[in-house]
Amino acid sequence: ANTLKLSKASVTSYLPYKKGVYFQSTAEKEKI
């Protein structure tokens, strides 16, 4: 938030749900 000059809420809104099914862009295709 400090680096991008955004509010904490804004940063959180652009992050995936912690309990959701989320994989990084480098994840194996079988997992997405």
Full PDB file with SEQRES, HELIX, SHEET, SSBOND, CRYST1, ORIGX, SCALE, CONECT and MASTER records, all heavy atoms in Angstrom:
SEQRES   1 A   32  ALA ASN THR LEU LYS LEU SER LYS ALA SER VAL THR SER          
SEQRES   2 A   32  TYR LEU PRO TYR LYS LYS GLY VAL TYR PHE GLN SER THR          
SEQRES   3 A   32  ALA GLU LYS GLU LYS ILE                                      
HELIX    1 AA1 LYS A    8  SER A   13  1                                   6    
HELIX    2 AA2 LYS A   29  LYS A   31  5                                   3    
CRYST1    1.000    1.000    1.000  90.00  90.00  90.00 P 1           1          
ORIGX1      1.000000  0.000000  0.000000        0.00000                         
ORIGX2      0.000000  1.000000  0.000000        0.00000                         
ORIGX3      0.000000  0.000000  1.000000        0.00000                         
SCALE1      1.000000  0.000000  0.000000        0.00000                         
SCALE2      0.000000  1.000000  0.000000        0.00000                         
SCALE3      0.000000  0.000000  1.000000        0.00000                         
ATOM      1  N   ALA A   1       0.828  -1.204   0.000  1.00  0.00           N  
ATOM      2  CA  ALA A   1       0.000   0.000   0.000  1.00  0.00           C  
ATOM      3  C   ALA A   1       0.863   1.256   0.000  1.00  0.00           C  
ATOM      4  O   ALA A   1       0.595   2.212  -0.740  1.00  0.00           O  
ATOM      5  CB  ALA A   1      -0.922  -0.003   1.227  1.00  0.00           C  
ATOM      6  N   ASN A   2       1.918   1.271   0.802  1.00  0.00           N  
ATOM      7  CA  ASN A   2       2.810   2.428   0.873  1.00  0.00           C  
ATOM      8  C   ASN A   2       3.563   2.632  -0.437  1.00  0.00           C  
ATOM      9  O   ASN A   2       3.732   3.763  -0.905  1.00  0.00           O  
ATOM     10  CB  ASN A   2       3.811   2.251   2.021  1.00  0.00           C  
ATOM     11  CG  ASN A   2       3.153   2.340   3.384  1.00  0.00           C  
ATOM     12  OD1 ASN A   2       2.130   2.999   3.530  1.00  0.00           O  
ATOM     13  ND2 ASN A   2       3.718   1.663   4.375  1.00  0.00           N  
ATOM     14  N   THR A   3       4.015   1.555  -1.018  1.00  0.00           N  
ATOM     15  CA  THR A   3       4.788   1.645  -2.259  1.00  0.00           C  
ATOM     16  C   THR A   3       3.945   2.143  -3.427  1.00  0.00           C  
ATOM     17  O   THR A   3       4.388   2.977  -4.219  1.00  0.00           O  
ATOM     18  CB  THR A   3       5.376   0.262  -2.616  1.00  0.00           C  
ATOM     19  OG1 THR A   3       6.250  -0.155  -1.564  1.00  0.00           O  
ATOM     20  CG2 THR A   3       6.151   0.319  -3.928  1.00  0.00           C  
ATOM     21  N   LEU A   4       2.719   1.634  -3.525  1.00  0.00           N  
ATOM     22  CA  LEU A   4       1.851   1.979  -4.661  1.00  0.00           C  
ATOM     23  C   LEU A   4       0.910   3.143  -4.367  1.00  0.00           C  
ATOM     24  O   LEU A   4       0.086   3.508  -5.217  1.00  0.00           O  
ATOM     25  CB  LEU A   4       1.032   0.749  -5.073  1.00  0.00           C  
ATOM     26  CG  LEU A   4       1.839  -0.485  -5.501  1.00  0.00           C  
ATOM     27  CD1 LEU A   4       0.897  -1.626  -5.885  1.00  0.00           C  
ATOM     28  CD2 LEU A   4       2.764  -0.152  -6.656  1.00  0.00           C  
ATOM     29  N   LYS A   5       1.028   3.719  -3.177  1.00  0.00           N  
ATOM     30  CA  LYS A   5       0.171   4.847  -2.790  1.00  0.00           C  
ATOM     31  C   LYS A   5      -1.304   4.473  -2.863  1.00  0.00           C  
ATOM     32  O   LYS A   5      -2.149   5.232  -3.364  1.00  0.00           O  
ATOM     33  CB  LYS A   5       0.443   6.066  -3.689  1.00  0.00           C  
ATOM     34  CG  LYS A   5       1.902   6.474  -3.766  1.00  0.00           C  
ATOM     35  CD  LYS A   5       2.483   6.812  -2.393  1.00  0.00           C  
ATOM     36  CE  LYS A   5       3.947   7.234  -2.505  1.00  0.00           C  
ATOM     37  NZ  LYS A   5       4.574   7.448  -1.177  1.00  0.00           N  
ATOM     38  N   LEU A   6      -1.623   3.310  -2.324  1.00  0.00           N  
ATOM     39  CA  LEU A   6      -2.999   2.835  -2.288  1.00  0.00           C  
ATOM     40  C   LEU A   6      -3.410   2.616  -0.835  1.00  0.00           C  
ATOM     41  O   LEU A   6      -2.560   2.507   0.045  1.00  0.00           O  
ATOM     42  CB  LEU A   6      -3.138   1.516  -3.055  1.00  0.00           C  
ATOM     43  CG  LEU A   6      -2.858   1.531  -4.559  1.00  0.00           C  
ATOM     44  CD1 LEU A   6      -2.854   0.112  -5.100  1.00  0.00           C  
ATOM     45  CD2 LEU A   6      -3.895   2.376  -5.290  1.00  0.00           C  
ATOM     46  N   SER A   7      -4.701   2.526  -0.609  1.00  0.00           N  
ATOM     47  CA  SER A   7      -5.169   2.214   0.740  1.00  0.00           C  
ATOM     48  C   SER A   7      -5.006   0.716   0.981  1.00  0.00           C  
ATOM     49  O   SER A   7      -4.900  -0.074   0.034  1.00  0.00           O  
ATOM     50  CB  SER A   7      -6.640   2.606   0.895  1.00  0.00           C  
ATOM     51  OG  SER A   7      -7.455   1.782   0.082  1.00  0.00           O  
ATOM     52  N   LYS A   8      -4.995   0.352   2.242  1.00  0.00           N  
ATOM     53  CA  LYS A   8      -4.889  -1.066   2.601  1.00  0.00           C  
ATOM     54  C   LYS A   8      -6.049  -1.850   2.002  1.00  0.00           C  
ATOM     55  O   LYS A   8      -5.873  -2.970   1.500  1.00  0.00           O  
ATOM     56  CB  LYS A   8      -4.868  -1.206   4.119  1.00  0.00           C  
ATOM     57  CG  LYS A   8      -4.778  -2.637   4.614  1.00  0.00           C  
ATOM     58  CD  LYS A   8      -4.814  -2.688   6.129  1.00  0.00           C  
ATOM     59  CE  LYS A   8      -4.868  -4.121   6.642  1.00  0.00           C  
ATOM     60  NZ  LYS A   8      -4.953  -4.183   8.125  1.00  0.00           N  
ATOM     61  N   ALA A   9      -7.246  -1.257   2.035  1.00  0.00           N  
ATOM     62  CA  ALA A   9      -8.440  -1.916   1.494  1.00  0.00           C  
ATOM     63  C   ALA A   9      -8.311  -2.143  -0.019  1.00  0.00           C  
ATOM     64  O   ALA A   9      -8.718  -3.184  -0.542  1.00  0.00           O  
ATOM     65  CB  ALA A   9      -9.684  -1.085   1.788  1.00  0.00           C  
ATOM     66  N   SER A  10      -7.728  -1.165  -0.715  1.00  0.00           N  
ATOM     67  CA  SER A  10      -7.556  -1.299  -2.164  1.00  0.00           C  
ATOM     68  C   SER A  10      -6.607  -2.442  -2.494  1.00  0.00           C  
ATOM     69  O   SER A  10      -6.858  -3.238  -3.410  1.00  0.00           O  
ATOM     70  CB  SER A  10      -7.024   0.006  -2.756  1.00  0.00           C  
ATOM     71  OG  SER A  10      -7.978   1.038  -2.649  1.00  0.00           O  
ATOM     72  N   VAL A  11      -5.499  -2.514  -1.758  1.00  0.00           N  
ATOM     73  CA  VAL A  11      -4.533  -3.593  -1.991  1.00  0.00           C  
ATOM     74  C   VAL A  11      -5.200  -4.943  -1.760  1.00  0.00           C  
ATOM     75  O   VAL A  11      -5.076  -5.872  -2.568  1.00  0.00           O  
ATOM     76  CB  VAL A  11      -3.309  -3.447  -1.056  1.00  0.00           C  
ATOM     77  CG1 VAL A  11      -2.419  -4.688  -1.135  1.00  0.00           C  
ATOM     78  CG2 VAL A  11      -2.514  -2.212  -1.430  1.00  0.00           C  
ATOM     79  N   THR A  12      -5.921  -5.060  -0.650  1.00  0.00           N  
ATOM     80  CA  THR A  12      -6.594  -6.313  -0.327  1.00  0.00           C  
ATOM     81  C   THR A  12      -7.597  -6.705  -1.405  1.00  0.00           C  
ATOM     82  O   THR A  12      -7.751  -7.886  -1.728  1.00  0.00           O  
ATOM     83  CB  THR A  12      -7.324  -6.195   1.025  1.00  0.00           C  
ATOM     84  OG1 THR A  12      -6.387  -5.824   2.041  1.00  0.00           O  
ATOM     85  CG2 THR A  12      -7.952  -7.521   1.411  1.00  0.00           C  
ATOM     86  N   SER A  13      -8.264  -5.714  -1.985  1.00  0.00           N  
ATOM     87  CA  SER A  13      -9.275  -6.006  -3.004  1.00  0.00           C  
ATOM     88  C   SER A  13      -8.660  -6.563  -4.285  1.00  0.00           C  
ATOM     89  O   SER A  13      -9.364  -7.169  -5.095  1.00  0.00           O  
ATOM     90  CB  SER A  13     -10.083  -4.748  -3.321  1.00  0.00           C  
ATOM     91  OG  SER A  13      -9.313  -3.803  -4.057  1.00  0.00           O  
ATOM     92  N   TYR A  14      -7.364  -6.339  -4.479  1.00  0.00           N  
ATOM     93  CA  TYR A  14      -6.687  -6.843  -5.677  1.00  0.00           C  
ATOM     94  C   TYR A  14      -5.910  -8.129  -5.404  1.00  0.00           C  
ATOM     95  O   TYR A  14      -5.193  -8.615  -6.281  1.00  0.00           O  
ATOM     96  CB  TYR A  14      -5.726  -5.791  -6.233  1.00  0.00           C  
ATOM     97  CG  TYR A  14      -6.407  -4.723  -7.051  1.00  0.00           C  
ATOM     98  CD1 TYR A  14      -6.643  -3.456  -6.529  1.00  0.00           C  
ATOM     99  CD2 TYR A  14      -6.836  -4.988  -8.358  1.00  0.00           C  
ATOM    100  CE1 TYR A  14      -7.265  -2.471  -7.285  1.00  0.00           C  
ATOM    101  CE2 TYR A  14      -7.457  -4.010  -9.127  1.00  0.00           C  
ATOM    102  CZ  TYR A  14      -7.669  -2.754  -8.571  1.00  0.00           C  
ATOM    103  OH  TYR A  14      -8.302  -1.792  -9.314  1.00  0.00           O  
ATOM    104  N   LEU A  15      -6.050  -8.669  -4.215  1.00  0.00           N  
ATOM    105  CA  LEU A  15      -5.375  -9.920  -3.877  1.00  0.00           C  
ATOM    106  C   LEU A  15      -6.403 -11.047  -3.824  1.00  0.00           C  
ATOM    107  O   LEU A  15      -7.570 -10.819  -3.513  1.00  0.00           O  
ATOM    108  CB  LEU A  15      -4.677  -9.800  -2.513  1.00  0.00           C  
ATOM    109  CG  LEU A  15      -3.502  -8.825  -2.442  1.00  0.00           C  
ATOM    110  CD1 LEU A  15      -2.962  -8.751  -1.017  1.00  0.00           C  
ATOM    111  CD2 LEU A  15      -2.394  -9.232  -3.409  1.00  0.00           C  
ATOM    112  N   PRO A  16      -6.003 -12.278  -4.118  1.00  0.00           N  
ATOM    113  CA  PRO A  16      -6.945 -13.406  -4.086  1.00  0.00           C  
ATOM    114  C   PRO A  16      -7.390 -13.721  -2.662  1.00  0.00           C  
ATOM    115  O   PRO A  16      -6.712 -13.377  -1.699  1.00  0.00           O  
ATOM    116  CB  PRO A  16      -6.120 -14.550  -4.681  1.00  0.00           C  
ATOM    117  CG  PRO A  16      -4.713 -14.199  -4.346  1.00  0.00           C  
ATOM    118  CD  PRO A  16      -4.646 -12.711  -4.512  1.00  0.00           C  
ATOM    119  N   TYR A  17      -8.532 -14.362  -2.554  1.00  0.00           N  
ATOM    120  CA  TYR A  17      -8.989 -14.832  -1.252  1.00  0.00           C  
ATOM    121  C   TYR A  17      -7.992 -15.848  -0.712  1.00  0.00           C  
ATOM    122  O   TYR A  17      -7.555 -16.746  -1.434  1.00  0.00           O  
ATOM    123  CB  TYR A  17     -10.370 -15.476  -1.370  1.00  0.00           C  
ATOM    124  CG  TYR A  17     -11.494 -14.484  -1.515  1.00  0.00           C  
ATOM    125  CD1 TYR A  17     -12.136 -14.286  -2.736  1.00  0.00           C  
ATOM    126  CD2 TYR A  17     -11.917 -13.741  -0.422  1.00  0.00           C  
ATOM    127  CE1 TYR A  17     -13.175 -13.374  -2.862  1.00  0.00           C  
ATOM    128  CE2 TYR A  17     -12.952 -12.815  -0.546  1.00  0.00           C  
ATOM    129  CZ  TYR A  17     -13.571 -12.639  -1.764  1.00  0.00           C  
ATOM    130  OH  TYR A  17     -14.592 -11.721  -1.887  1.00  0.00           O  
ATOM    131  N   LYS A  18      -7.625 -15.722   0.546  1.00  0.00           N  
ATOM    132  CA  LYS A  18      -6.621 -16.604   1.140  1.00  0.00           C  
ATOM    133  C   LYS A  18      -7.096 -18.051   1.184  1.00  0.00           C  
ATOM    134  O   LYS A  18      -6.297 -18.979   1.108  1.00  0.00           O  
ATOM    135  CB  LYS A  18      -6.263 -16.131   2.552  1.00  0.00           C  
ATOM    136  CG  LYS A  18      -5.573 -14.781   2.578  1.00  0.00           C  
ATOM    137  CD  LYS A  18      -5.368 -14.278   3.973  1.00  0.00           C  
ATOM    138  CE  LYS A  18      -4.391 -15.137   4.762  1.00  0.00           C  
ATOM    139  NZ  LYS A  18      -4.130 -14.564   6.105  1.00  0.00           N  
ATOM    140  N   LYS A  19      -8.401 -18.261   1.300  1.00  0.00           N  
ATOM    141  CA  LYS A  19      -8.934 -19.616   1.375  1.00  0.00           C  
ATOM    142  C   LYS A  19      -9.479 -20.095   0.040  1.00  0.00           C  
ATOM    143  O   LYS A  19     -10.086 -21.149  -0.053  1.00  0.00           O  
ATOM    144  CB  LYS A  19     -10.042 -19.688   2.433  1.00  0.00           C  
ATOM    145  CG  LYS A  19      -9.546 -19.446   3.848  1.00  0.00           C  
ATOM    146  CD  LYS A  19     -10.664 -19.610   4.836  1.00  0.00           C  
ATOM    147  CE  LYS A  19     -10.170 -19.381   6.268  1.00  0.00           C  
ATOM    148  NZ  LYS A  19     -11.253 -19.522   7.267  1.00  0.00           N  
ATOM    149  N   GLY A  20      -9.248 -19.318  -0.989  1.00  0.00           N  
ATOM    150  CA  GLY A  20      -9.759 -19.688  -2.299  1.00  0.00           C  
ATOM    151  C   GLY A  20      -8.795 -20.590  -3.044  1.00  0.00           C  
ATOM    152  O   GLY A  20      -7.672 -20.843  -2.619  1.00  0.00           O  
ATOM    153  N   VAL A  21      -9.255 -21.096  -4.167  1.00  0.00           N  
ATOM    154  CA  VAL A  21      -8.402 -21.937  -4.998  1.00  0.00           C  
ATOM    155  C   VAL A  21      -7.617 -21.026  -5.912  1.00  0.00           C  
ATOM    156  O   VAL A  21      -8.060 -20.649  -6.986  1.00  0.00           O  
ATOM    157  CB  VAL A  21      -9.262 -22.917  -5.836  1.00  0.00           C  
ATOM    158  CG1 VAL A  21      -8.368 -23.827  -6.648  1.00  0.00           C  
ATOM    159  CG2 VAL A  21     -10.152 -23.734  -4.918  1.00  0.00           C  
ATOM    160  N   TYR A  22      -6.431 -20.659  -5.485  1.00  0.00           N  
ATOM    161  CA  TYR A  22      -5.616 -19.711  -6.252  1.00  0.00           C  
ATOM    162  C   TYR A  22      -4.226 -20.296  -6.466  1.00  0.00           C  
ATOM    163  O   TYR A  22      -3.626 -20.861  -5.564  1.00  0.00           O  
ATOM    164  CB  TYR A  22      -5.486 -18.383  -5.511  1.00  0.00           C  
ATOM    165  CG  TYR A  22      -4.546 -17.408  -6.172  1.00  0.00           C  
ATOM    166  CD1 TYR A  22      -4.932 -16.710  -7.307  1.00  0.00           C  
ATOM    167  CD2 TYR A  22      -3.266 -17.218  -5.679  1.00  0.00           C  
ATOM    168  CE1 TYR A  22      -4.082 -15.820  -7.922  1.00  0.00           C  
ATOM    169  CE2 TYR A  22      -2.400 -16.334  -6.305  1.00  0.00           C  
ATOM    170  CZ  TYR A  22      -2.814 -15.632  -7.416  1.00  0.00           C  
ATOM    171  OH  TYR A  22      -1.953 -14.763  -8.026  1.00  0.00           O  
ATOM    172  N   PHE A  23      -3.729 -20.173  -7.654  1.00  0.00           N  
ATOM    173  CA  PHE A  23      -2.388 -20.640  -7.972  1.00  0.00           C  
ATOM    174  C   PHE A  23      -1.640 -19.548  -8.716  1.00  0.00           C  
ATOM    175  O   PHE A  23      -2.229 -18.776  -9.469  1.00  0.00           O  
ATOM    176  CB  PHE A  23      -2.439 -21.904  -8.847  1.00  0.00           C  
ATOM    177  CG  PHE A  23      -3.088 -23.074  -8.151  1.00  0.00           C  
ATOM    178  CD1 PHE A  23      -4.426 -23.372  -8.363  1.00  0.00           C  
ATOM    179  CD2 PHE A  23      -2.371 -23.867  -7.277  1.00  0.00           C  
ATOM    180  CE1 PHE A  23      -5.032 -24.428  -7.715  1.00  0.00           C  
ATOM    181  CE2 PHE A  23      -2.961 -24.936  -6.633  1.00  0.00           C  
ATOM    182  CZ  PHE A  23      -4.294 -25.220  -6.856  1.00  0.00           C  
ATOM    183  N   GLN A  24      -0.352 -19.480  -8.520  1.00  0.00           N  
ATOM    184  CA  GLN A  24       0.473 -18.480  -9.190  1.00  0.00           C  
ATOM    185  C   GLN A  24       0.453 -18.694 -10.699  1.00  0.00           C  
ATOM    186  O   GLN A  24       0.093 -19.761 -11.190  1.00  0.00           O  
ATOM    187  CB  GLN A  24       1.925 -18.564  -8.681  1.00  0.00           C  
ATOM    188  CG  GLN A  24       2.059 -18.368  -7.179  1.00  0.00           C  
ATOM    189  CD  GLN A  24       1.665 -16.974  -6.761  1.00  0.00           C  
ATOM    190  OE1 GLN A  24       1.652 -16.055  -7.561  1.00  0.00           O  
ATOM    191  NE2 GLN A  24       1.315 -16.817  -5.492  1.00  0.00           N  
ATOM    192  N   SER A  25       0.874 -17.676 -11.435  1.00  0.00           N  
ATOM    193  CA  SER A  25       0.866 -17.768 -12.899  1.00  0.00           C  
ATOM    194  C   SER A  25       1.807 -18.844 -13.413  1.00  0.00           C  
ATOM    195  O   SER A  25       1.709 -19.269 -14.552  1.00  0.00           O  
ATOM    196  CB  SER A  25       1.271 -16.407 -13.495  1.00  0.00           C  
ATOM    197  OG  SER A  25       2.565 -16.028 -13.034  1.00  0.00           O  
ATOM    198  N   THR A  26       2.715 -19.297 -12.550  1.00  0.00           N  
ATOM    199  CA  THR A  26       3.671 -20.319 -12.965  1.00  0.00           C  
ATOM    200  C   THR A  26       3.225 -21.724 -12.573  1.00  0.00           C  
ATOM    201  O   THR A  26       3.956 -22.685 -12.775  1.00  0.00           O  
ATOM    202  CB  THR A  26       5.048 -20.041 -12.332  1.00  0.00           C  
ATOM    203  OG1 THR A  26       4.889 -19.943 -10.901  1.00  0.00           O  
ATOM    204  CG2 THR A  26       5.631 -18.743 -12.853  1.00  0.00           C  
ATOM    205  N   ALA A  27       2.038 -21.853 -12.000  1.00  0.00           N  
ATOM    206  CA  ALA A  27       1.556 -23.156 -11.556  1.00  0.00           C  
ATOM    207  C   ALA A  27       1.370 -24.094 -12.739  1.00  0.00           C  
ATOM    208  O   ALA A  27       1.103 -23.667 -13.865  1.00  0.00           O  
ATOM    209  CB  ALA A  27       0.238 -22.996 -10.806  1.00  0.00           C  
ATOM    210  N   GLU A  28       1.494 -25.396 -12.487  1.00  0.00           N  
ATOM    211  CA  GLU A  28       1.272 -26.384 -13.530  1.00  0.00           C  
ATOM    212  C   GLU A  28      -0.168 -26.272 -14.021  1.00  0.00           C  
ATOM    213  O   GLU A  28      -1.085 -26.016 -13.250  1.00  0.00           O  
ATOM    214  CB  GLU A  28       1.531 -27.792 -12.991  1.00  0.00           C  
ATOM    215  CG  GLU A  28       2.952 -28.017 -12.484  1.00  0.00           C  
ATOM    216  CD  GLU A  28       3.977 -27.969 -13.606  1.00  0.00           C  
ATOM    217  OE1 GLU A  28       3.586 -28.243 -14.774  1.00  0.00           O  
ATOM    218  OE2 GLU A  28       5.139 -27.666 -13.335  1.00  0.00           O  
ATOM    219  N   LYS A  29      -0.371 -26.493 -15.323  1.00  0.00           N  
ATOM    220  CA  LYS A  29      -1.698 -26.291 -15.894  1.00  0.00           C  
ATOM    221  C   LYS A  29      -2.734 -27.251 -15.322  1.00  0.00           C  
ATOM    222  O   LYS A  29      -3.923 -26.971 -15.345  1.00  0.00           O  
ATOM    223  CB  LYS A  29      -1.641 -26.423 -17.415  1.00  0.00           C  
ATOM    224  CG  LYS A  29      -1.226 -27.776 -17.945  1.00  0.00           C  
ATOM    225  CD  LYS A  29      -1.108 -27.744 -19.454  1.00  0.00           C  
ATOM    226  CE  LYS A  29      -0.724 -29.096 -20.029  1.00  0.00           C  
ATOM    227  NZ  LYS A  29      -1.794 -30.099 -19.855  1.00  0.00           N  
ATOM    228  N   GLU A  30      -2.284 -28.391 -14.768  1.00  0.00           N  
ATOM    229  CA  GLU A  30      -3.217 -29.332 -14.167  1.00  0.00           C  
ATOM    230  C   GLU A  30      -3.884 -28.753 -12.925  1.00  0.00           C  
ATOM    231  O   GLU A  30      -4.925 -29.231 -12.481  1.00  0.00           O  
ATOM    232  CB  GLU A  30      -2.496 -30.637 -13.789  1.00  0.00           C  
ATOM    233  CG  GLU A  30      -2.045 -31.475 -14.990  1.00  0.00           C  
ATOM    234  CD  GLU A  30      -0.764 -30.946 -15.604  1.00  0.00           C  
ATOM    235  OE1 GLU A  30      -0.153 -30.047 -14.974  1.00  0.00           O  
ATOM    236  OE2 GLU A  30      -0.392 -31.411 -16.701  1.00  0.00           O  
ATOM    237  N   LYS A  31      -3.273 -27.707 -12.344  1.00  0.00           N  
ATOM    238  CA  LYS A  31      -3.782 -27.150 -11.100  1.00  0.00           C  
ATOM    239  C   LYS A  31      -4.659 -25.926 -11.285  1.00  0.00           C  
ATOM    240  O   LYS A  31      -5.147 -25.361 -10.314  1.00  0.00           O  
ATOM    241  CB  LYS A  31      -2.598 -26.777 -10.189  1.00  0.00           C  
ATOM    242  CG  LYS A  31      -1.795 -27.964  -9.704  1.00  0.00           C  
ATOM    243  CD  LYS A  31      -0.684 -27.508  -8.765  1.00  0.00           C  
ATOM    244  CE  LYS A  31       0.101 -28.694  -8.223  1.00  0.00           C  
ATOM    245  NZ  LYS A  31       1.177 -28.243  -7.294  1.00  0.00           N  
ATOM    246  N   ILE A  32      -4.859 -25.495 -12.518  1.00  0.00           N  
ATOM    247  CA  ILE A  32      -5.652 -24.295 -12.753  1.00  0.00           C  
ATOM    248  C   ILE A  32      -6.896 -24.625 -13.557  1.00  0.00           C  
ATOM    249  O   ILE A  32      -6.987 -25.675 -14.189  1.00  0.00           O  
ATOM    250  CB  ILE A  32      -4.832 -23.210 -13.480  1.00  0.00           C  
ATOM    251  CG1 ILE A  32      -4.376 -23.706 -14.865  1.00  0.00           C  
ATOM    252  CG2 ILE A  32      -3.640 -22.790 -12.648  1.00  0.00           C  
ATOM    253  CD1 ILE A  32      -3.618 -22.670 -15.665  1.00  0.00           C  
TER     254      ILE A  32                                                      
MASTER        0    0    0    2    0    0    0    6  253    1    0    3          
END                                                                             
